[in-house]
C-alpha atoms as a PDB file:
ATOM      1  CA  MET A   1     143.930 155.023 190.400  1.00  0.00           C
ATOM      2  CA  CYS A   2     147.684 157.063 189.467  1.00  0.00           C
ATOM      3  CA  THR A   3     148.065 159.372 191.742  1.00  0.00           C
ATOM      4  CA  ILE A   4     151.516 160.639 190.188  1.00  0.00           C
ATOM      5  CA  SER A   5     150.898 163.431 187.979  1.00  0.00           C
ATOM      6  CA  PHE A   6     151.983 162.235 183.866  1.00  0.00           C
ATOM      7  CA  ALA A   7     152.422 166.090 183.993  1.00  0.00           C
ATOM      8  CA  LEU A   8     155.142 166.064 186.358  1.00  0.00           C
ATOM      9  CA  TRP A   9     157.005 162.892 184.975  1.00  0.00           C
ATOM     10  CA  ILE A  10     157.145 164.991 181.867  1.00  0.00           C
ATOM     11  CA  VAL A  11     158.785 167.582 183.197  1.00  0.00           C
ATOM     12  CA  ASP A  12     161.382 165.300 185.212  1.00  0.00           C
ATOM     13  CA  ALA A  13     162.199 164.029 181.796  1.00  0.00           C
ATOM     14  CA  ALA A  14     162.891 167.433 180.168  1.00  0.00           C
ATOM     15  CA  ALA A  15     165.367 168.194 183.495  1.00  0.00           C
ATOM     16  CA  ARG A  16     166.998 164.975 182.744  1.00  0.00           C
ATOM     17  CA  PHE A  17     167.646 165.635 178.799  1.00  0.00           C
ATOM     18  CA  SER A  18     168.387 169.383 179.069  1.00  0.00           C
ATOM     19  CA  SER A  19     171.970 170.011 179.351  1.00  0.00           C
ATOM     20  CA  ARG A  20     172.131 172.528 182.107  1.00  0.00           C
ATOM     21  CA  HIS A  21     173.697 171.827 184.509  1.00  0.00           C
ATOM     22  CA  GLY A  22     171.872 170.606 188.455  1.00  0.00           C
ATOM     23  CA  ALA A  23     168.541 170.424 186.597  1.00  0.00           C
ATOM     24  CA  VAL A  24     168.056 166.611 187.582  1.00  0.00           C
ATOM     25  CA  SER A  25     169.167 168.036 191.273  1.00  0.00           C
ATOM     26  CA  GLN A  26     167.201 170.947 191.375  1.00  0.00           C
ATOM     27  CA  GLN A  27     164.156 169.046 189.526  1.00  0.00           C
ATOM     28  CA  ALA A  28     164.447 166.135 192.667  1.00  0.00           C
ATOM     29  CA  LYS A  29     164.383 169.046 195.233  1.00  0.00           C
ATOM     30  CA  GLN A  30     161.109 170.474 193.551  1.00  0.00           C
ATOM     31  CA  SER A  31     159.423 167.023 192.969  1.00  0.00           C
ATOM     32  CA  LYS A  32     160.532 165.921 196.321  1.00  0.00           C
ATOM     33  CA  CYS A  33     161.572 162.873 195.211  1.00  0.00           C
ATOM     34  CA  SER A  34     165.498 161.535 194.807  1.00  0.00           C
ATOM     35  CA  ARG A  35     167.721 162.199 191.627  1.00  0.00           C
ATOM     36  CA  GLN A  36     167.259 157.974 190.745  1.00  0.00           C
ATOM     37  CA  THR A  37     163.951 158.581 190.554  1.00  0.00           C
ATOM     38  CA  ILE A  38     164.009 161.666 187.857  1.00  0.00           C
ATOM     39  CA  TYR A  39     166.141 159.233 185.861  1.00  0.00           C
ATOM     40  CA  ASP A  40     163.727 156.266 186.274  1.00  0.00           C
ATOM     41  CA  ARG A  41     160.810 158.924 185.263  1.00  0.00           C
ATOM     42  CA  ALA A  42     162.407 160.373 182.211  1.00  0.00           C
ATOM     43  CA  ARG A  43     163.631 156.492 180.845  1.00  0.00           C
ATOM     44  CA  LYS A  44     159.781 155.437 181.297  1.00  0.00           C
ATOM     45  CA  VAL A  45     158.606 158.884 179.412  1.00  0.00           C
ATOM     46  CA  TRP A  46     161.208 158.366 176.533  1.00  0.00           C
ATOM     47  CA  ARG A  47     159.850 154.594 176.234  1.00  0.00           C
ATOM     48  CA  ALA A  48     156.395 155.787 176.157  1.00  0.00           C
ATOM     49  CA  VAL A  49     157.114 158.470 173.429  1.00  0.00           C
ATOM     50  CA  VAL A  50     159.265 156.391 171.421  1.00  0.00           C
ATOM     51  CA  SER A  51     156.431 153.711 171.623  1.00  0.00           C
ATOM     52  CA  GLU A  52     153.853 155.812 170.156  1.00  0.00           C
ATOM     53  CA  PHE A  53     155.689 156.951 167.187  1.00  0.00           C
ATOM     54  CA  SER A  54     157.716 154.229 166.047  1.00  0.00           C
ATOM     55  CA  GLY A  55     155.383 152.635 163.561  1.00  0.00           C
ATOM     56  CA  CYS A  56     153.578 150.101 166.014  1.00  0.00           C
ATOM     57  CA  PRO A  57     150.604 150.105 167.013  1.00  0.00           C
ATOM     58  CA  SER A  58     149.276 152.687 169.706  1.00  0.00           C
ATOM     59  CA  ARG A  59     148.012 151.541 173.062  1.00  0.00           C
ATOM     60  CA  GLN A  60     144.324 152.113 171.674  1.00  0.00           C
ATOM     61  CA  GLN A  61     144.936 149.982 168.907  1.00  0.00           C
ATOM     62  CA  LEU A  62     146.410 147.371 170.753  1.00  0.00           C
ATOM     63  CA  ARG A  63     143.437 147.551 173.443  1.00  0.00           C
ATOM     64  CA  GLU A  64     140.869 147.404 170.820  1.00  0.00           C
ATOM     65  CA  ARG A  65     142.362 144.794 168.665  1.00  0.00           C
ATOM     66  CA  ILE A  66     142.778 142.681 172.354  1.00  0.00           C
ATOM     67  CA  GLN A  67     138.462 143.399 173.104  1.00  0.00           C
ATOM     68  CA  SER A  68     138.216 142.311 169.407  1.00  0.00           C
ATOM     69  CA  LEU A  69     139.755 138.847 169.757  1.00  0.00           C
ATOM     70  CA  SER A  70     138.109 138.882 173.034  1.00  0.00           C
ATOM     71  CA  GLN A  71     134.605 138.990 171.364  1.00  0.00           C
ATOM     72  CA  GLN A  72     135.538 136.664 168.972  1.00  0.00           C
ATOM     73  CA  ASN A  73     137.572 133.697 171.073  1.00  0.00           C
ATOM     74  CA  ALA A  74     133.537 134.130 173.249  1.00  0.00           C
ATOM     75  CA  GLN A  75     131.758 133.921 169.956  1.00  0.00           C
ATOM     76  CA  LEU A  76     134.200 130.407 169.171  1.00  0.00           C
ATOM     77  CA  ARG A  77     133.745 129.134 172.708  1.00  0.00           C
ATOM     78  CA  LYS A  78     129.959 129.648 172.327  1.00  0.00           C
ATOM     79  CA  ARG A  79     129.692 127.349 169.078  1.00  0.00           C
ATOM     80  CA  LEU A  80     132.189 125.058 170.533  1.00  0.00           C
ATOM     81  CA  ALA A  81     129.892 124.053 173.150  1.00  0.00           C
ATOM     82  CA  THR A  82     127.299 123.095 170.921  1.00  0.00           C
ATOM     83  CA  THR A  83     129.502 121.333 168.127  1.00  0.00           C
ATOM     84  CA  ILE A  84     129.720 117.374 168.250  1.00  0.00           C
ATOM     85  CA  GLU A  85     133.211 115.818 167.548  1.00  0.00           C
ATOM     86  CA  PHE A  86     132.715 113.141 164.524  1.00  0.00           C
ATOM     87  CA  PRO A  87     136.571 112.218 163.480  1.00  0.00           C
ATOM     88  CA  ARG A  88     137.001 109.688 160.694  1.00  0.00           C
ATOM     89  CA  SER A  89     136.494 106.744 163.323  1.00  0.00           C
ATOM     90  CA  LYS A  90     132.774 107.790 164.011  1.00  0.00           C
ATOM     91  CA  GLN A  91     132.147 108.351 160.227  1.00  0.00           C
ATOM     92  CA  GLN A  92     132.997 104.715 159.603  1.00  0.00           C
ATOM     93  CA  GLU A  93     131.041 103.165 162.134  1.00  0.00           C
ATOM     94  CA  PHE A  94     127.961 105.418 160.989  1.00  0.00           C
ATOM     95  CA  SER A  95     128.267 104.448 157.414  1.00  0.00           C
ATOM     96  CA  THR A  96     128.956 100.802 158.853  1.00  0.00           C
ATOM     97  CA  LYS A  97     125.330 100.861 160.665  1.00  0.00           C
ATOM     98  CA  ALA A  98     123.983 103.121 157.640  1.00  0.00           C
ATOM     99  CA  ARG A  99     124.799 100.562 155.331  1.00  0.00           C
ATOM    100  CA  ALA A 100     123.469  97.372 157.643  1.00  0.00           C
ATOM    101  CA  MET A 101     119.987  99.441 157.720  1.00  0.00           C
ATOM    102  CA  GLY A 102     119.878  99.054 153.967  1.00  0.00           C
ATOM    103  CA  LEU A 103     121.424 102.610 152.755  1.00  0.00           C
ATOM    104  CA  SER A 104     123.369 102.874 149.370  1.00  0.00           C
ATOM    105  CA  LEU A 105     126.631 104.414 149.690  1.00  0.00           C
ATOM    106  CA  ASN A 106     124.676 107.798 147.399  1.00  0.00           C
ATOM    107  CA  GLN A 107     122.409 107.865 150.687  1.00  0.00           C
ATOM    108  CA  ILE A 108     125.205 108.047 152.914  1.00  0.00           C
ATOM    109  CA  GLY A 109     126.895 110.608 151.323  1.00  0.00           C
ATOM    110  CA  ALA A 110     124.144 112.624 151.306  1.00  0.00           C
ATOM    111  CA  LEU A 111     123.703 112.207 155.142  1.00  0.00           C
ATOM    112  CA  LEU A 112     127.223 113.145 155.692  1.00  0.00           C
ATOM    113  CA  VAL A 113     127.117 115.970 153.889  1.00  0.00           C
ATOM    114  CA  VAL A 114     124.517 117.211 155.896  1.00  0.00           C
ATOM    115  CA  ILE A 115     126.127 116.844 159.083  1.00  0.00           C
ATOM    116  CA  LEU A 116     129.596 117.990 157.522  1.00  0.00           C
ATOM    117  CA  GLY A 117     128.929 120.367 155.230  1.00  0.00           C
ATOM    118  CA  PRO A 118     129.537 119.945 151.343  1.00  0.00           C
ATOM    119  CA  LYS A 119     133.367 120.890 152.006  1.00  0.00           C
ATOM    120  CA  SER A 120     134.171 118.773 155.126  1.00  0.00           C
ATOM    121  CA  ALA A 121     132.022 115.515 153.884  1.00  0.00           C
ATOM    122  CA  PRO A 122     134.457 112.541 151.917  1.00  0.00           C
ATOM    123  CA  ALA A 123     133.228 111.921 148.443  1.00  0.00           C
ATOM    124  CA  ARG A 124     131.601 108.448 148.289  1.00  0.00           C
ATOM    125  CA  SER A 125     134.367 106.639 146.437  1.00  0.00           C
ATOM    126  CA  THR A 126     135.962 106.990 150.316  1.00  0.00           C
ATOM    127  CA  ILE A 127     132.898 106.064 151.754  1.00  0.00           C
ATOM    128  CA  GLN A 128     134.129 102.618 153.464  1.00  0.00           C
ATOM    129  CA  PRO A 129     131.653 101.101 156.258  1.00  0.00           C
ATOM    130  CA  SER A 130     134.241  99.065 158.194  1.00  0.00           C
ATOM    131  CA  SER A 131     134.250  95.388 158.096  1.00  0.00           C
END
């Protein structure tokens, strides 16, 4: 938990950016800190303000995006845990065994569509059982 008041940081920054002579020293005494601390806080406040109004996503937007991506990542990991690798070499082995069992190339192609889906399944002309 942050124990420093952000309002105090803003007051410190105001002292730093005021053109009044001795404002930083006076604010350092009131805040019971060093002048360097006033300058450091002013720099942090300045960066926060610039970041908030620079057209970049806000801190809240970034947090929401992180949360959304984390949920999406968890869903993908869950799906990945139930997937089976079926690389080209395994597809050829599958085709060879299916052909040896008497299945036609059309039947093998139909089974590959069931396993891989219509977009990922090889065309009938490319189903070549290995020798």
